[in-house]
N, C-alpha and C. Protein backbone atom coordinates (compact mmCIF):
# COMPACT_ATOMS: atom_id res chain seq x y z
N UNK A 1 -9.70 -3.92 19.74
CA UNK A 1 -8.44 -4.36 19.15
C UNK A 1 -8.31 -3.39 17.69
N UNK A 2 -7.24 -3.22 17.37
CA UNK A 2 -6.67 -2.37 16.01
C UNK A 2 -5.80 -3.41 15.51
N UNK A 3 -6.22 -3.80 13.98
CA UNK A 3 -5.50 -4.72 13.22
C UNK A 3 -5.18 -4.19 12.02
N UNK A 4 -4.22 -4.93 10.92
CA UNK A 4 -3.71 -4.38 9.86
C UNK A 4 -4.66 -5.17 8.60
N UNK A 5 -3.97 -4.90 7.47
CA UNK A 5 -4.76 -5.50 6.37
C UNK A 5 -4.94 -7.22 6.30
N UNK A 6 -3.71 -7.56 6.81
CA UNK A 6 -3.58 -8.92 6.85
C UNK A 6 -4.94 -9.59 7.88
N UNK A 7 -5.05 -9.00 8.94
CA UNK A 7 -6.15 -9.80 9.77
C UNK A 7 -7.50 -9.10 8.95
N UNK A 8 -7.53 -8.12 8.51
CA UNK A 8 -8.76 -7.80 7.74
C UNK A 8 -9.06 -8.91 6.69
N UNK A 9 -8.14 -9.30 6.02
CA UNK A 9 -8.23 -10.19 4.77
C UNK A 9 -8.60 -11.40 5.36
N UNK A 10 -8.07 -11.90 6.51
CA UNK A 10 -8.10 -13.40 7.02
C UNK A 10 -9.86 -13.19 7.43
N UNK A 11 -10.33 -12.20 8.03
CA UNK A 11 -11.66 -12.24 8.57
C UNK A 11 -12.69 -12.24 7.40
N UNK A 12 -12.34 -11.44 6.46
CA UNK A 12 -13.23 -11.38 5.33
C UNK A 12 -13.40 -12.80 4.61
N UNK A 13 -12.19 -13.42 4.62
CA UNK A 13 -12.36 -14.76 3.64
C UNK A 13 -13.03 -15.49 4.69
N UNK A 14 -12.98 -15.47 6.08
CA UNK A 14 -13.58 -16.48 7.19
C UNK A 14 -15.12 -16.36 7.01
N UNK A 15 -15.57 -14.99 6.56
CA UNK A 15 -16.64 -14.42 6.84
C UNK A 15 -17.44 -15.28 5.51
N UNK A 16 -16.87 -15.66 4.41
CA UNK A 16 -17.22 -16.42 3.20
C UNK A 16 -17.69 -18.09 3.66
N UNK A 17 -16.62 -18.60 4.29
CA UNK A 17 -16.56 -19.97 4.76
C UNK A 17 -15.43 -20.39 5.53
N UNK A 18 -15.59 -21.26 6.37
CA UNK A 18 -14.07 -21.77 7.02
C UNK A 18 -13.31 -22.12 6.11
N UNK A 19 -12.01 -21.93 6.30
CA UNK A 19 -10.90 -22.49 5.44
C UNK A 19 -9.53 -22.64 6.21
N UNK A 20 -8.58 -23.32 5.59
CA UNK A 20 -7.36 -23.36 6.13
C UNK A 20 -6.53 -22.09 5.60
N UNK A 21 -5.17 -22.00 5.86
CA UNK A 21 -4.54 -20.80 5.48
C UNK A 21 -4.05 -20.91 4.09
N UNK A 22 -3.75 -22.22 3.38
CA UNK A 22 -3.28 -22.36 2.12
C UNK A 22 -4.37 -22.12 1.06
N UNK A 23 -5.84 -22.34 1.53
CA UNK A 23 -6.96 -21.80 0.80
C UNK A 23 -7.00 -20.38 0.79
N UNK A 24 -6.56 -19.55 1.74
CA UNK A 24 -6.73 -18.49 1.95
C UNK A 24 -5.64 -17.77 0.90
N UNK A 25 -4.34 -18.20 1.01
CA UNK A 25 -3.32 -17.62 -0.02
C UNK A 25 -3.72 -17.76 -1.41
N UNK A 26 -4.29 -18.93 -1.47
CA UNK A 26 -4.88 -19.46 -3.02
C UNK A 26 -5.73 -18.18 -3.45
N UNK A 27 -6.92 -18.05 -2.83
CA UNK A 27 -7.88 -17.24 -3.13
C UNK A 27 -7.53 -15.66 -3.29
N UNK A 28 -6.49 -15.44 -2.30
CA UNK A 28 -6.03 -13.95 -2.31
C UNK A 28 -5.37 -13.66 -3.42
N UNK A 29 -4.40 -14.70 -4.04
CA UNK A 29 -3.74 -14.56 -5.34
C UNK A 29 -4.64 -14.47 -6.62
N UNK A 30 -5.86 -15.43 -6.36
CA UNK A 30 -6.94 -15.45 -7.47
C UNK A 30 -7.41 -14.35 -7.75
N UNK A 31 -7.58 -13.73 -6.56
CA UNK A 31 -8.67 -12.35 -6.65
C UNK A 31 -7.76 -11.24 -6.66
N UNK A 32 -6.49 -11.05 -6.98
CA UNK A 32 -5.47 -10.24 -7.11
C UNK A 32 -5.56 -9.23 -5.84
N UNK A 33 -5.82 -9.98 -4.62
CA UNK A 33 -5.36 -9.25 -3.35
C UNK A 33 -3.91 -8.85 -3.14
N UNK A 34 -3.26 -9.63 -3.78
CA UNK A 34 -1.84 -9.34 -3.66
C UNK A 34 -1.19 -8.22 -4.17
N UNK A 35 -2.12 -7.44 -4.76
CA UNK A 35 -1.78 -5.95 -5.28
C UNK A 35 -1.87 -4.93 -3.98
N UNK A 36 -2.35 -5.23 -3.19
CA UNK A 36 -2.48 -4.64 -1.73
C UNK A 36 -2.00 -5.41 -0.50
N UNK A 37 -1.59 -6.83 -0.85
CA UNK A 37 -0.89 -7.29 0.44
C UNK A 37 -0.06 -8.00 -0.34
N UNK A 38 1.41 -8.05 0.69
CA UNK A 38 2.23 -8.61 0.32
C UNK A 38 2.32 -10.15 0.75
N UNK A 39 2.15 -11.07 -0.28
CA UNK A 39 1.77 -12.19 0.17
C UNK A 39 3.02 -13.20 0.60
N UNK A 40 3.09 -12.85 1.73
CA UNK A 40 4.20 -13.94 2.66
C UNK A 40 3.70 -14.63 3.71
N UNK A 41 3.77 -16.10 3.38
CA UNK A 41 3.32 -16.83 4.30
C UNK A 41 3.40 -16.66 5.76
N UNK A 42 4.57 -16.03 6.10
CA UNK A 42 4.64 -15.84 7.89
C UNK A 42 3.73 -14.84 8.07
N UNK A 43 3.47 -13.73 7.14
CA UNK A 43 2.53 -12.46 7.73
C UNK A 43 1.01 -13.11 7.83
N UNK A 44 0.85 -14.15 7.08
CA UNK A 44 -0.48 -14.79 6.99
C UNK A 44 -0.68 -15.57 8.22
N UNK A 45 0.08 -16.17 8.60
CA UNK A 45 0.16 -17.20 9.77
C UNK A 45 0.31 -16.15 11.04
N UNK A 46 0.99 -15.40 11.15
CA UNK A 46 0.97 -14.11 12.49
C UNK A 46 -0.40 -13.88 12.67
N UNK A 47 -0.96 -13.03 11.32
CA UNK A 47 -2.46 -12.76 11.49
C UNK A 47 -3.57 -13.68 12.29
N UNK A 48 -3.47 -14.80 11.65
CA UNK A 48 -4.28 -15.74 12.19
C UNK A 48 -4.05 -16.12 13.72
N UNK A 49 -2.59 -16.37 14.04
CA UNK A 49 -2.58 -16.34 15.48
C UNK A 49 -2.95 -15.40 16.53
N UNK A 50 -2.88 -13.96 15.79
CA UNK A 50 -3.14 -12.80 16.54
C UNK A 50 -4.83 -12.74 16.64
N UNK A 51 -5.40 -13.19 15.72
CA UNK A 51 -6.77 -13.23 15.51
C UNK A 51 -7.43 -14.51 16.46
N UNK A 52 -6.77 -15.47 16.64
CA UNK A 52 -7.07 -16.60 17.45
C UNK A 52 -6.99 -16.25 19.08
N UNK A 53 -5.77 -15.82 19.23
CA UNK A 53 -5.77 -15.19 20.66
C UNK A 53 -6.79 -14.30 20.97
N UNK A 54 -7.32 -13.44 19.98
CA UNK A 54 -8.35 -12.32 20.41
C UNK A 54 -9.54 -12.90 20.50
N UNK A 55 -9.60 -14.42 20.18
CA UNK A 55 -11.04 -14.80 19.92
C UNK A 55 -11.96 -14.41 18.91
N UNK A 56 -11.36 -14.07 17.70
CA UNK A 56 -11.96 -13.72 16.57
C UNK A 56 -12.34 -14.54 15.72
N UNK A 57 -11.48 -15.47 15.71
CA UNK A 57 -11.42 -16.84 14.88
C UNK A 57 -11.47 -18.06 15.43
N UNK A 58 -11.47 -19.21 15.41
CA UNK A 58 -11.01 -20.26 16.20
C UNK A 58 -10.84 -21.35 15.20
N UNK A 59 -9.73 -22.67 15.51
CA UNK A 59 -9.83 -23.74 14.80
C UNK A 59 -10.91 -24.87 14.99
N UNK A 60 -11.35 -25.50 14.17
CA UNK A 60 -12.33 -26.22 14.13
C UNK A 60 -12.17 -27.54 13.81
N UNK A 61 -10.69 -27.79 12.79
CA UNK A 61 -10.45 -29.12 12.63
C UNK A 61 -9.05 -29.17 12.20
N UNK A 62 -8.30 -30.18 12.54
CA UNK A 62 -6.87 -30.28 11.73
C UNK A 62 -6.74 -31.71 10.79
N UNK A 63 -6.60 -31.50 9.56
CA UNK A 63 -6.55 -32.68 8.63
C UNK A 63 -5.44 -32.89 8.00
N UNK A 64 -5.11 -34.11 7.60
CA UNK A 64 -4.04 -34.17 6.45
C UNK A 64 -4.49 -35.24 5.58
N UNK A 65 -3.86 -34.59 4.26
CA UNK A 65 -4.50 -35.43 2.83
C UNK A 65 -2.89 -36.07 2.57
N UNK A 66 -2.96 -37.05 2.30
CA UNK A 66 -1.92 -37.93 1.82
C UNK A 66 -0.43 -37.40 2.63
N UNK A 67 0.46 -37.17 1.84
CA UNK A 67 1.89 -36.85 2.53
C UNK A 67 1.93 -35.16 2.72
N UNK A 68 0.97 -34.59 2.55
CA UNK A 68 0.84 -33.09 2.76
C UNK A 68 0.89 -32.78 4.37
N UNK A 69 1.48 -31.68 4.66
CA UNK A 69 1.56 -31.23 5.96
C UNK A 69 -0.10 -31.03 6.49
N UNK A 70 -0.16 -31.07 7.78
CA UNK A 70 -1.61 -31.02 8.42
C UNK A 70 -2.01 -29.72 8.20
N UNK A 71 -3.04 -29.64 7.89
CA UNK A 71 -3.89 -27.99 7.43
C UNK A 71 -4.94 -27.89 8.76
N UNK A 72 -4.84 -26.88 9.39
CA UNK A 72 -6.07 -26.61 10.21
C UNK A 72 -6.95 -25.54 9.80
N UNK A 73 -8.23 -26.02 9.64
CA UNK A 73 -9.07 -25.28 9.27
C UNK A 73 -9.99 -24.27 10.28
N UNK A 74 -10.09 -22.88 10.13
CA UNK A 74 -10.48 -22.11 10.95
C UNK A 74 -11.77 -21.48 10.47
N UNK A 75 -12.62 -20.86 11.64
CA UNK A 75 -13.96 -20.35 11.43
C UNK A 75 -13.92 -18.95 12.22
N UNK A 76 -14.78 -18.04 11.86
CA UNK A 76 -14.70 -16.76 12.39
C UNK A 76 -15.94 -16.99 13.31
N UNK A 77 -15.65 -16.18 14.48
CA UNK A 77 -16.87 -16.13 15.52
C UNK A 77 -17.66 -14.97 15.36
N UNK A 78 -18.52 -15.02 16.49
CA UNK A 78 -19.45 -13.83 16.24
C UNK A 78 -18.80 -12.76 16.69
N UNK A 79 -17.60 -12.51 17.37
CA UNK A 79 -17.07 -11.56 17.68
C UNK A 79 -16.06 -11.01 16.74
N UNK A 80 -15.84 -12.05 15.93
CA UNK A 80 -15.03 -11.53 14.66
C UNK A 80 -15.69 -10.93 13.68
N UNK A 81 -16.93 -11.43 13.42
CA UNK A 81 -17.96 -10.66 12.45
C UNK A 81 -18.17 -9.31 12.93
N UNK A 82 -18.47 -9.21 14.01
CA UNK A 82 -18.72 -7.72 14.70
C UNK A 82 -17.49 -7.03 14.36
N UNK A 83 -16.28 -7.47 14.75
CA UNK A 83 -15.02 -6.74 14.66
C UNK A 83 -14.54 -6.34 13.07
N UNK A 84 -14.99 -7.29 12.15
CA UNK A 84 -14.82 -6.98 11.11
C UNK A 84 -15.46 -6.11 10.21
N UNK A 85 -16.94 -5.83 10.68
CA UNK A 85 -17.32 -4.76 10.34
C UNK A 85 -17.35 -3.33 10.97
N UNK A 86 -16.89 -3.37 12.27
CA UNK A 86 -16.28 -2.18 12.70
C UNK A 86 -15.23 -1.69 12.10
N UNK A 87 -14.29 -2.52 12.13
CA UNK A 87 -12.92 -2.06 11.40
C UNK A 87 -13.13 -1.71 9.99
N UNK A 88 -13.87 -2.23 9.24
CA UNK A 88 -14.13 -2.02 7.79
C UNK A 88 -14.77 -0.55 7.41
N UNK A 89 -15.99 -0.67 8.39
CA UNK A 89 -16.82 0.74 8.32
C UNK A 89 -15.59 2.02 8.74
N UNK A 90 -14.68 1.85 9.71
CA UNK A 90 -13.98 2.96 9.83
C UNK A 90 -12.90 3.29 8.76
N UNK A 91 -12.38 2.10 8.24
CA UNK A 91 -11.44 2.24 7.17
C UNK A 91 -12.18 3.08 5.96
N UNK A 92 -13.17 2.68 5.41
CA UNK A 92 -14.22 3.12 4.32
C UNK A 92 -14.56 4.72 4.83
N UNK A 93 -14.95 4.72 5.90
CA UNK A 93 -15.54 6.17 6.05
C UNK A 93 -14.58 7.28 6.47
N UNK A 94 -13.31 6.72 7.14
CA UNK A 94 -12.42 7.68 7.74
C UNK A 94 -11.50 8.09 6.90
N UNK A 95 -10.92 9.25 6.16
CA UNK A 95 -9.57 9.49 5.44
C UNK A 95 -8.52 9.53 6.41
N UNK A 96 -7.46 8.38 5.79
CA UNK A 96 -6.31 8.60 6.79
C UNK A 96 -4.99 9.08 6.00
N UNK A 97 -3.98 9.63 6.60
CA UNK A 97 -2.88 10.11 5.89
C UNK A 97 -1.89 8.97 5.94
N UNK A 98 -1.63 8.16 4.52
CA UNK A 98 -0.98 6.95 4.36
C UNK A 98 0.39 7.20 4.01
N UNK A 99 1.28 6.61 4.52
CA UNK A 99 2.84 7.12 4.08
C UNK A 99 3.00 6.42 2.79
N UNK A 100 4.03 7.41 2.18
CA UNK A 100 4.14 6.78 0.81
C UNK A 100 5.46 7.33 0.36
N UNK A 101 6.62 6.45 -0.21
CA UNK A 101 7.59 6.80 -0.58
C UNK A 101 7.89 7.69 -1.26
N UNK A 102 7.04 7.80 -2.27
CA UNK A 102 7.07 8.70 -3.33
C UNK A 102 6.73 9.98 -2.90
N UNK A 103 5.85 10.32 -1.98
CA UNK A 103 5.67 11.58 -1.19
C UNK A 103 6.88 12.12 -0.64
N UNK A 104 7.45 10.96 0.02
CA UNK A 104 8.76 11.25 0.50
C UNK A 104 9.95 11.87 -0.05
N UNK A 105 9.89 11.02 -1.33
CA UNK A 105 10.95 11.52 -2.38
C UNK A 105 10.68 12.87 -3.09
N UNK A 106 9.44 13.48 -3.11
CA UNK A 106 9.03 14.55 -3.53
C UNK A 106 9.46 15.72 -2.51
N UNK A 107 9.22 15.48 -1.30
CA UNK A 107 9.50 16.38 -0.38
C UNK A 107 11.20 16.60 -0.11
N UNK A 108 11.81 15.72 -0.72
CA UNK A 108 13.27 15.80 -0.69
C UNK A 108 13.99 15.90 -2.19
N UNK A 109 13.12 16.38 -2.91
CA UNK A 109 13.66 16.46 -4.39
C UNK A 109 14.42 17.40 -4.85
N UNK A 110 14.36 18.46 -3.88
CA UNK A 110 15.41 19.63 -4.17
C UNK A 110 16.94 18.92 -4.01
N UNK A 111 17.33 18.00 -3.30
CA UNK A 111 18.59 17.37 -3.11
C UNK A 111 18.99 16.77 -4.56
N UNK A 112 18.04 16.60 -5.51
CA UNK A 112 18.47 16.22 -6.94
C UNK A 112 18.63 17.88 -7.94
N UNK A 113 19.37 17.74 -8.65
CA UNK A 113 19.43 19.20 -9.54
C UNK A 113 18.01 18.73 -10.28
N UNK A 114 17.47 19.92 -11.08
CA UNK A 114 16.54 20.01 -12.35
C UNK A 114 16.74 18.83 -13.05
N UNK A 115 17.76 18.88 -13.68
CA UNK A 115 18.23 17.86 -14.73
C UNK A 115 17.93 16.39 -14.37
N UNK A 116 18.53 16.45 -13.01
CA UNK A 116 18.67 14.83 -12.42
C UNK A 116 17.09 14.53 -12.53
N UNK A 117 16.58 15.44 -11.77
CA UNK A 117 14.95 15.12 -11.32
C UNK A 117 14.12 14.80 -12.32
N UNK A 118 14.44 15.64 -13.47
CA UNK A 118 13.66 15.27 -14.71
C UNK A 118 13.89 13.92 -15.26
N UNK A 119 15.12 13.41 -15.08
CA UNK A 119 15.38 12.24 -15.70
C UNK A 119 14.75 11.02 -15.06
N UNK A 120 14.77 11.11 -13.43
CA UNK A 120 14.02 10.36 -12.58
C UNK A 120 12.73 10.18 -12.82
N UNK A 121 12.03 11.43 -13.10
CA UNK A 121 10.72 11.29 -13.17
C UNK A 121 9.94 10.74 -14.44
N UNK A 122 10.82 11.05 -15.55
CA UNK A 122 10.79 10.51 -16.86
C UNK A 122 10.72 9.02 -16.57
N UNK A 123 11.89 8.30 -15.85
CA UNK A 123 11.84 6.97 -15.79
C UNK A 123 10.47 6.26 -15.07
N UNK A 124 10.20 6.98 -14.15
CA UNK A 124 9.02 6.96 -13.31
C UNK A 124 7.54 6.90 -14.29
N UNK A 125 7.65 7.87 -14.95
CA UNK A 125 6.47 7.92 -16.07
C UNK A 125 6.51 6.65 -16.95
N UNK A 126 7.57 6.09 -17.58
CA UNK A 126 7.60 4.93 -18.48
C UNK A 126 7.27 3.73 -17.43
N UNK A 127 7.50 3.58 -16.31
CA UNK A 127 7.13 2.19 -15.45
C UNK A 127 5.88 2.19 -15.32
N UNK A 128 5.14 3.70 -14.91
CA UNK A 128 3.88 3.60 -14.47
C UNK A 128 2.93 3.21 -15.90
N UNK A 129 3.42 3.57 -16.87
CA UNK A 129 2.82 3.16 -18.18
C UNK A 129 2.59 1.65 -18.30
N UNK A 130 3.94 1.04 -18.10
CA UNK A 130 4.00 -0.29 -17.91
C UNK A 130 2.83 -0.99 -16.86
N UNK A 131 3.05 -0.61 -15.66
CA UNK A 131 2.34 -0.88 -14.53
C UNK A 131 0.79 -0.67 -14.71
N UNK A 132 0.23 0.28 -15.29
CA UNK A 132 -0.98 0.57 -15.90
C UNK A 132 -1.67 -0.41 -16.85
N UNK A 133 -0.63 -0.65 -17.89
CA UNK A 133 -1.18 -1.67 -18.84
C UNK A 133 -1.26 -3.14 -18.55
N UNK A 134 -0.44 -3.26 -17.26
CA UNK A 134 -0.23 -4.62 -16.79
C UNK A 134 -1.66 -5.04 -16.04
N UNK A 135 -1.90 -3.79 -15.13
CA UNK A 135 -3.19 -3.91 -14.35
C UNK A 135 -4.25 -3.96 -14.92
N UNK A 136 -4.57 -3.23 -16.01
CA UNK A 136 -5.73 -3.15 -16.99
C UNK A 136 -5.83 -4.59 -17.65
N UNK A 137 -4.91 -5.13 -18.00
CA UNK A 137 -4.85 -6.61 -18.61
C UNK A 137 -5.54 -7.63 -17.43
N UNK A 138 -5.00 -7.48 -16.49
CA UNK A 138 -5.13 -8.41 -15.29
C UNK A 138 -6.46 -8.43 -14.86
N UNK A 139 -7.11 -7.00 -14.80
CA UNK A 139 -8.26 -6.81 -14.55
C UNK A 139 -9.36 -7.54 -15.18
N UNK A 140 -9.21 -7.27 -16.81
CA UNK A 140 -9.77 -7.84 -17.78
C UNK A 140 -9.90 -9.40 -17.67
N UNK A 141 -8.79 -9.92 -17.41
CA UNK A 141 -8.47 -11.47 -17.26
C UNK A 141 -9.57 -11.84 -16.05
N UNK A 142 -9.35 -11.04 -14.98
CA UNK A 142 -9.94 -11.54 -13.63
C UNK A 142 -11.49 -11.55 -13.58
N UNK A 143 -12.12 -10.58 -14.52
CA UNK A 143 -13.32 -10.59 -14.82
C UNK A 143 -14.09 -11.54 -15.36
N UNK A 144 -13.34 -12.42 -15.96
CA UNK A 144 -13.96 -13.64 -16.32
C UNK A 144 -14.35 -14.75 -15.26
N UNK A 145 -13.96 -14.38 -14.20
CA UNK A 145 -13.82 -15.50 -13.05
C UNK A 145 -14.44 -14.66 -11.84
N UNK A 146 -14.51 -13.60 -11.52
CA UNK A 146 -15.16 -12.67 -10.57
C UNK A 146 -15.99 -11.42 -10.99
N UNK A 147 -16.79 -10.75 -10.38
CA UNK A 147 -17.46 -9.84 -10.56
C UNK A 147 -16.71 -8.40 -10.08
N UNK A 148 -17.31 -7.16 -10.62
CA UNK A 148 -16.73 -6.08 -10.40
C UNK A 148 -16.34 -5.86 -9.02
N UNK A 149 -17.52 -6.01 -7.85
CA UNK A 149 -17.03 -5.74 -6.87
C UNK A 149 -15.91 -6.26 -6.12
N UNK A 150 -15.26 -7.39 -6.80
CA UNK A 150 -14.23 -8.22 -6.41
C UNK A 150 -12.70 -7.40 -6.79
N UNK A 151 -13.29 -6.29 -7.76
CA UNK A 151 -11.94 -5.59 -8.34
C UNK A 151 -11.90 -4.17 -8.10
N UNK A 152 -12.86 -3.73 -7.02
CA UNK A 152 -12.83 -2.40 -6.81
C UNK A 152 -11.77 -1.65 -6.30
N UNK A 153 -11.02 -2.36 -5.65
CA UNK A 153 -9.49 -1.85 -5.12
C UNK A 153 -8.55 -1.90 -6.22
N UNK A 154 -8.90 -2.89 -7.17
CA UNK A 154 -7.95 -2.74 -8.66
C UNK A 154 -8.34 -1.38 -9.19
N UNK A 155 -9.53 -1.18 -9.44
CA UNK A 155 -10.23 -0.05 -10.16
C UNK A 155 -9.56 1.04 -9.36
N UNK A 156 -9.52 1.39 -8.19
CA UNK A 156 -9.00 2.41 -7.31
C UNK A 156 -7.54 2.53 -7.57
N UNK A 157 -6.98 1.49 -7.48
CA UNK A 157 -5.30 1.44 -7.86
C UNK A 157 -5.04 2.00 -9.09
N UNK A 158 -5.80 1.47 -10.09
CA UNK A 158 -5.76 1.95 -11.65
C UNK A 158 -6.01 3.68 -11.62
N UNK A 159 -6.92 3.91 -11.11
CA UNK A 159 -7.32 5.29 -11.03
C UNK A 159 -5.97 6.21 -10.38
N UNK A 160 -5.59 5.79 -9.19
CA UNK A 160 -4.39 6.57 -8.66
C UNK A 160 -3.03 6.19 -9.49
N UNK A 161 -2.93 5.18 -10.11
CA UNK A 161 -2.05 4.95 -11.29
C UNK A 161 -1.82 6.11 -12.02
N UNK A 162 -3.12 6.08 -12.87
CA UNK A 162 -3.19 7.15 -13.93
C UNK A 162 -3.25 8.65 -13.29
N UNK A 163 -3.78 8.97 -12.22
CA UNK A 163 -3.58 10.40 -11.78
C UNK A 163 -2.13 10.63 -11.50
N UNK A 164 -1.25 9.71 -10.73
CA UNK A 164 -0.04 10.09 -10.56
C UNK A 164 0.54 10.31 -11.93
N UNK A 165 0.45 9.31 -12.86
CA UNK A 165 1.20 9.74 -14.38
C UNK A 165 0.54 11.09 -14.94
N UNK A 166 -0.50 11.51 -14.79
CA UNK A 166 -1.13 12.60 -15.34
C UNK A 166 -0.16 13.87 -14.64
N UNK A 167 0.20 13.82 -13.06
CA UNK A 167 0.53 14.78 -12.32
C UNK A 167 2.02 14.92 -12.79
N UNK A 168 2.66 13.83 -12.77
CA UNK A 168 4.21 13.78 -13.17
C UNK A 168 4.40 14.39 -14.38
N UNK A 169 3.60 14.01 -15.42
CA UNK A 169 3.68 14.61 -16.92
C UNK A 169 3.64 16.12 -16.65
N UNK A 170 2.78 16.63 -15.94
CA UNK A 170 2.76 18.24 -15.58
C UNK A 170 4.25 18.67 -15.04
N UNK A 171 4.58 18.01 -14.09
CA UNK A 171 5.89 18.57 -13.51
C UNK A 171 7.00 18.32 -14.50
N UNK A 172 6.96 17.12 -15.36
CA UNK A 172 8.09 16.89 -16.17
C UNK A 172 8.14 18.09 -17.15
N UNK A 173 6.76 18.47 -17.66
CA UNK A 173 6.54 19.76 -18.62
C UNK A 173 7.24 20.99 -17.96
N UNK A 174 7.20 21.04 -16.72
CA UNK A 174 7.37 22.48 -16.27
C UNK A 174 9.14 22.52 -16.27
N UNK A 175 9.71 21.16 -15.56
CA UNK A 175 10.98 20.91 -15.74
C UNK A 175 11.74 21.04 -17.08
N UNK A 176 10.99 20.56 -18.03
CA UNK A 176 11.51 20.85 -19.33
C UNK A 176 11.52 22.17 -19.82
N UNK A 177 10.75 23.12 -19.89
CA UNK A 177 10.60 24.50 -20.21
C UNK A 177 11.04 25.31 -19.09
N UNK A 178 11.53 25.00 -17.90
CA UNK A 178 12.30 25.82 -17.11
C UNK A 178 11.14 26.60 -16.32
N UNK A 179 9.83 26.17 -16.40
CA UNK A 179 8.93 27.02 -15.43
C UNK A 179 9.31 26.49 -14.01
N UNK A 180 9.62 25.40 -13.97
CA UNK A 180 10.00 24.91 -12.32
C UNK A 180 11.37 24.51 -12.45
N UNK A 181 12.17 25.48 -11.61
CA UNK A 181 13.61 25.02 -11.28
C UNK A 181 14.05 25.49 -10.07
N UNK A 182 15.29 24.99 -9.65
CA UNK A 182 15.80 25.46 -8.42
C UNK A 182 17.39 25.38 -8.39
N UNK A 183 17.98 26.02 -7.44
CA UNK A 183 19.31 25.94 -7.31
C UNK A 183 19.36 25.70 -5.50
N UNK A 184 20.02 24.62 -5.47
CA UNK A 184 19.97 24.06 -3.93
C UNK A 184 20.74 24.82 -3.33
N UNK A 185 21.83 25.51 -3.46
CA UNK A 185 22.68 26.38 -2.73
C UNK A 185 22.03 27.41 -2.39
N UNK A 186 20.87 28.31 -3.29
CA UNK A 186 20.34 29.45 -3.07
C UNK A 186 19.21 28.99 -2.02
N UNK A 187 18.56 27.84 -2.32
CA UNK A 187 17.23 27.37 -1.26
C UNK A 187 17.71 27.42 0.07
N UNK A 188 18.96 26.52 0.19
CA UNK A 188 19.32 26.53 1.72
C UNK A 188 20.03 27.84 2.01
N UNK A 189 20.61 28.57 1.23
CA UNK A 189 20.80 29.96 1.90
C UNK A 189 19.65 30.68 2.51
N UNK A 190 18.47 30.51 1.78
CA UNK A 190 17.31 31.56 2.23
C UNK A 190 16.75 30.82 3.47
N UNK A 191 16.87 29.53 3.57
CA UNK A 191 16.26 28.80 4.52
C UNK A 191 17.51 28.84 5.92
N UNK A 192 18.58 28.92 5.55
CA UNK A 192 19.28 29.34 6.65
C UNK A 192 20.28 30.44 6.51
N UNK A 193 19.69 31.81 6.79
CA UNK A 193 20.34 33.00 6.50
C UNK A 193 21.55 33.10 7.35
N UNK A 194 22.72 33.97 6.68
CA UNK A 194 23.86 33.84 7.53
C UNK A 194 23.67 34.39 8.80
N UNK A 195 24.13 33.88 9.96
CA UNK A 195 24.18 34.34 11.33
C UNK A 195 25.14 35.55 11.54
N UNK A 196 24.82 36.33 12.29
CA UNK A 196 25.41 37.53 12.71
C UNK A 196 26.75 36.98 13.72
N UNK A 197 27.77 37.45 13.63
CA UNK A 197 28.74 36.85 14.63
C UNK A 197 28.34 37.52 16.15
N UNK A 198 28.51 36.57 17.01
CA UNK A 198 28.02 36.99 18.33
C UNK A 198 29.26 37.67 18.97
N UNK A 199 29.09 39.35 19.37
CA UNK A 199 30.17 39.98 20.00
C UNK A 199 30.38 39.55 21.24
N UNK A 200 31.43 39.24 21.62
CA UNK A 200 31.86 38.91 23.03
C UNK A 200 32.09 40.18 23.79
N UNK A 201 31.28 40.10 25.14
CA UNK A 201 31.41 41.22 25.83
C UNK A 201 32.74 41.67 26.52
N UNK A 202 33.28 42.73 26.25
CA UNK A 202 34.63 43.01 26.46
C UNK A 202 34.66 43.22 28.17
N UNK A 203 35.66 42.46 28.75
CA UNK A 203 36.20 42.84 30.02
C UNK A 203 36.24 43.74 30.23
N UNK A 204 35.84 44.42 31.50
CA UNK A 204 36.32 45.87 32.28
C UNK A 204 37.48 45.60 33.38
């Protein structure tokens, strides 16, 4: 079975102890896993259902406290523990080409003129500076509650943001001094050279 990050997160949490979905959501936020997962309630419940159908987790009890809705507590199975380790080893050990909107944007940057591209990249630089500072402060705050091992993904994200900012800084400098420039029409003309007209064969 191949599954995504939501299934991985659920198995990892249930490896710690049995819990219900609401507690899973709370822990994901507290541990800043929302930096890699979009915390939508539906996504979590869909992942739980898929894992339960596959026999990797199972419901152990359903209880209600006061007027709150019923909450089902889940437990990881032996098969779930084995699958968690198998999937995690593959993710950590094998590099994958991951899709990136920014990478796609760079591949089509030629459709902006150099001045426009310079302006957009400059704005991205400014936003990255804010994101880097926010993440740094968030990590400092989290370290008061968790250990570094719980924040390694945040460290990685911070390193990637800093590297991206540094790379964009270099491209911006080249655009500013004219080292990097382009003319859309000239580039397209080089890619699509003028075709010679096809001569019609004269009838005899």
